[in-house]
Amino acid sequence: MSELLRRAAWAALLLLPATAWSADELEALMSRLAAQRTGHALFTEQHYVALLERPVQTSGELFYEAPDRLEKRTLQPRPETLRVAAGIVHVESGRIKRSMPVQRYPELAAFIESMRATLAGDLPALQKYFSIGFEGDQQRWQLQLTPLDKRLAAAIRQVHISGVGIELRRVEVQQTDGDRSVTDIQPLP
């Protein structure tokens, strides 16, 4: 494929707004993200639920190991571990331990795949599941991911991921019922 055709295909596929990155810049970012094989961060998450007066807050640690292992250790308000590897979610909460395929739970699948594919620099995976919009520059950027799958789109309106350089800093999941979660991430060395 000629360079001109490749660029036209990228622009058409990504539907980039006028202020967004070029396809080359996106490829460069994804390449830089893919080079990061592991990650460790602290998180604080706010769950905004229509039935509750105040958001539910959780906090803990996040771990990433390429290409597909994510672990979320919630420390507050109570310990819980959610680990994903090879498409299976393992949950430990107190003495309860469960394992299940990610795809059974659309809200969880959207959150996991949006983070996993972004951390892995896996643009084809993001394109498989989401329509992608971009804003920002190499230092501060934001992805707007809109689910393509009807089942997923019935539960999730959009996922926003923002970062600084090659670090993810915030993941916001907006559900179709109006509920949302906002996860702030503080990378550790």
Protein backbone atom coordinates (compact mmCIF):
# COMPACT_ATOMS: atom_id res chain seq x y z
CA MET A 1 0.00 0.00 0.00
CA SER A 2 1.40 3.38 -0.92
CA GLU A 3 2.18 5.89 1.81
CA LEU A 4 -0.58 8.21 0.57
CA LEU A 5 -3.16 5.41 0.64
CA ARG A 6 -2.02 4.31 4.10
CA ARG A 7 -2.44 7.83 5.47
CA ALA A 8 -5.85 8.23 3.84
CA ALA A 9 -6.98 4.90 5.30
CA TRP A 10 -5.85 5.94 8.78
CA ALA A 11 -7.61 9.29 8.58
CA ALA A 12 -10.83 7.70 7.34
CA LEU A 13 -10.69 4.95 9.93
CA LEU A 14 -9.99 7.17 12.88
CA LEU A 15 -12.26 10.05 11.86
CA LEU A 16 -9.79 12.50 13.32
CA PRO A 17 -11.04 15.98 14.14
CA ALA A 18 -9.06 18.92 12.77
CA THR A 19 -7.18 19.50 16.04
CA ALA A 20 -6.31 15.86 16.62
CA TRP A 21 -3.06 14.06 16.08
CA SER A 22 -1.93 12.79 12.75
CA ALA A 23 -1.87 9.04 12.13
CA ASP A 24 1.93 9.14 12.40
CA GLU A 25 1.77 10.73 15.86
CA LEU A 26 -0.78 8.14 16.99
CA GLU A 27 1.41 5.31 15.71
CA ALA A 28 4.41 6.84 17.50
CA LEU A 29 2.49 7.05 20.80
CA MET A 30 1.23 3.48 20.47
CA SER A 31 4.76 2.32 19.74
CA ARG A 32 6.06 4.12 22.83
CA LEU A 33 3.27 2.63 24.95
CA ALA A 34 4.03 -0.86 23.60
CA ALA A 35 7.65 -0.49 24.69
CA GLN A 36 6.54 -0.27 28.33
CA ARG A 37 6.33 -3.92 29.40
CA THR A 38 5.28 -3.37 33.02
CA GLY A 39 3.65 -0.72 35.13
CA HIS A 40 2.72 -0.03 38.76
CA ALA A 41 0.46 2.78 39.93
CA LEU A 42 -1.80 3.97 42.70
CA PHE A 43 -5.44 4.68 41.91
CA THR A 44 -8.45 6.43 43.38
CA GLU A 45 -11.79 5.65 41.84
CA GLN A 46 -15.11 7.45 42.19
CA HIS A 47 -18.29 5.54 41.26
CA TYR A 48 -21.18 7.91 40.56
CA VAL A 49 -24.42 5.96 40.88
CA ALA A 50 -27.78 7.68 40.33
CA LEU A 51 -29.35 6.00 43.37
CA LEU A 52 -26.68 7.31 45.76
CA GLU A 53 -26.27 10.83 47.11
CA ARG A 54 -22.48 10.68 47.08
CA PRO A 55 -20.01 8.78 44.94
CA VAL A 56 -18.53 5.55 46.25
CA GLN A 57 -14.76 5.91 46.54
CA THR A 58 -12.20 3.13 46.33
CA SER A 59 -8.42 3.22 46.21
CA GLY A 60 -5.48 0.91 45.87
CA GLU A 61 -2.84 -0.26 43.40
CA LEU A 62 -2.76 -1.14 39.72
CA PHE A 63 -0.28 -3.49 38.04
CA TYR A 64 0.28 -4.16 34.36
CA GLU A 65 2.40 -6.78 32.63
CA ALA A 66 2.45 -6.95 28.82
CA PRO A 67 0.63 -8.04 26.85
CA ASP A 68 -2.58 -8.71 28.80
CA ARG A 69 -2.16 -9.02 32.56
CA LEU A 70 -3.89 -6.33 34.61
CA GLU A 71 -4.35 -6.39 38.35
CA LYS A 72 -6.39 -3.99 40.45
CA ARG A 73 -5.85 -4.34 44.20
CA THR A 74 -8.44 -2.33 46.05
CA LEU A 75 -7.21 -1.54 49.55
CA GLN A 76 -9.92 0.91 50.69
CA PRO A 77 -12.70 0.72 51.80
CA ARG A 78 -12.15 -3.07 51.89
CA PRO A 79 -9.54 -5.34 50.31
CA GLU A 80 -10.43 -6.87 46.97
CA THR A 81 -8.29 -8.07 44.06
CA LEU A 82 -9.38 -8.16 40.43
CA ARG A 83 -6.85 -9.82 38.13
CA VAL A 84 -7.24 -10.26 34.38
CA ALA A 85 -5.08 -12.49 32.23
CA ALA A 86 -5.82 -14.27 28.95
CA GLY A 87 -9.43 -13.05 28.90
CA ILE A 88 -10.32 -14.44 32.35
CA VAL A 89 -11.20 -12.27 35.34
CA HIS A 90 -10.20 -13.56 38.78
CA VAL A 91 -11.85 -11.82 41.73
CA GLU A 92 -10.86 -12.26 45.37
CA SER A 93 -12.91 -10.56 48.04
CA GLY A 94 -12.40 -11.86 51.54
CA ARG A 95 -12.77 -15.64 51.37
CA ILE A 96 -14.71 -15.51 48.09
CA LYS A 97 -12.78 -16.36 44.93
CA ARG A 98 -14.34 -16.44 41.47
CA SER A 99 -13.14 -16.71 37.89
CA MET A 100 -15.14 -15.81 34.78
CA PRO A 101 -14.67 -14.87 31.12
CA VAL A 102 -14.38 -11.09 30.67
CA GLN A 103 -16.80 -11.00 27.73
CA ARG A 104 -19.75 -12.00 29.96
CA TYR A 105 -19.68 -8.56 31.58
CA PRO A 106 -19.77 -5.72 29.01
CA GLU A 107 -19.03 -2.89 31.47
CA LEU A 108 -16.01 -4.70 32.83
CA ALA A 109 -14.88 -5.79 29.36
CA ALA A 110 -14.93 -2.18 28.13
CA PHE A 111 -12.89 -0.93 31.06
CA ILE A 112 -10.40 -3.78 30.87
CA GLU A 113 -9.90 -3.80 27.10
CA SER A 114 -9.66 -0.03 26.88
CA MET A 115 -6.90 0.01 29.49
CA ARG A 116 -5.16 -3.18 28.34
CA ALA A 117 -5.04 -2.21 24.67
CA THR A 118 -3.93 1.34 25.48
CA LEU A 119 -1.19 0.17 27.87
CA ALA A 120 -0.06 -2.42 25.32
CA GLY A 121 -0.05 0.12 22.48
CA ASP A 122 -2.40 -2.29 20.71
CA LEU A 123 -4.17 -0.03 18.22
CA PRO A 124 -5.76 -2.92 16.25
CA ALA A 125 -7.45 -4.16 19.46
CA LEU A 126 -8.76 -0.66 20.23
CA GLN A 127 -10.08 -0.40 16.66
CA LYS A 128 -11.74 -3.81 16.96
CA TYR A 129 -13.84 -2.73 19.94
CA PHE A 130 -14.09 1.06 19.69
CA SER A 131 -14.50 4.03 17.42
CA ILE A 132 -11.53 6.19 18.42
CA GLY A 133 -11.27 9.95 18.81
CA PHE A 134 -8.14 11.85 19.88
CA GLU A 135 -7.27 15.22 21.32
CA GLY A 136 -4.08 16.80 22.63
CA ASP A 137 -0.40 16.45 21.87
CA GLN A 138 2.51 14.18 22.76
CA GLN A 139 2.66 15.54 26.33
CA ARG A 140 -1.06 15.62 27.16
CA TRP A 141 -3.51 13.45 25.26
CA GLN A 142 -6.98 11.98 25.46
CA LEU A 143 -8.65 9.05 23.78
CA GLN A 144 -12.42 8.97 23.38
CA LEU A 145 -13.47 5.37 22.87
CA THR A 146 -17.03 4.62 21.75
CA PRO A 147 -18.04 0.94 21.71
CA LEU A 148 -18.72 -0.61 18.31
CA ASP A 149 -20.32 -3.82 19.61
CA LYS A 150 -24.10 -3.43 20.15
CA ARG A 151 -24.08 -5.41 23.40
CA LEU A 152 -21.25 -3.32 24.78
CA ALA A 153 -22.83 -0.09 23.48
CA ALA A 154 -26.03 -0.99 25.33
CA ALA A 155 -24.11 -0.71 28.61
CA ILE A 156 -21.26 1.73 27.89
CA ARG A 157 -21.66 5.09 26.17
CA GLN A 158 -17.99 6.05 26.09
CA VAL A 159 -14.60 5.51 27.71
CA HIS A 160 -12.24 8.49 28.06
CA ILE A 161 -8.59 7.79 28.72
CA SER A 162 -6.16 10.63 29.29
CA GLY A 163 -2.44 10.55 29.76
CA VAL A 164 0.77 12.48 30.09
CA GLY A 165 3.54 11.22 27.83
CA ILE A 166 3.35 7.43 28.05
CA GLU A 167 1.54 7.35 31.40
CA LEU A 168 -2.20 6.82 31.77
CA ARG A 169 -3.58 9.31 34.27
CA ARG A 170 -7.37 9.01 34.12
CA VAL A 171 -9.95 6.54 32.89
CA GLU A 172 -13.59 7.58 32.85
CA VAL A 173 -16.32 5.11 31.91
CA GLN A 174 -19.72 6.61 31.08
CA GLN A 175 -22.56 4.10 31.18
CA THR A 176 -25.75 4.42 29.16
CA ASP A 177 -27.85 4.53 32.36
CA GLY A 178 -26.09 7.74 33.46
CA ASP A 179 -23.80 6.12 36.02
CA ARG A 180 -20.08 6.60 35.58
CA SER A 181 -16.74 5.85 37.17
CA VAL A 182 -13.65 8.04 37.22
CA THR A 183 -10.30 6.42 37.97
CA ASP A 184 -7.37 8.72 38.69
CA ILE A 185 -3.99 7.04 38.29
CA GLN A 186 -0.67 8.04 39.84
CA PRO A 187 2.19 6.03 38.26
CA LEU A 188 4.97 4.81 40.52
CA PRO A 189 8.59 4.39 39.44
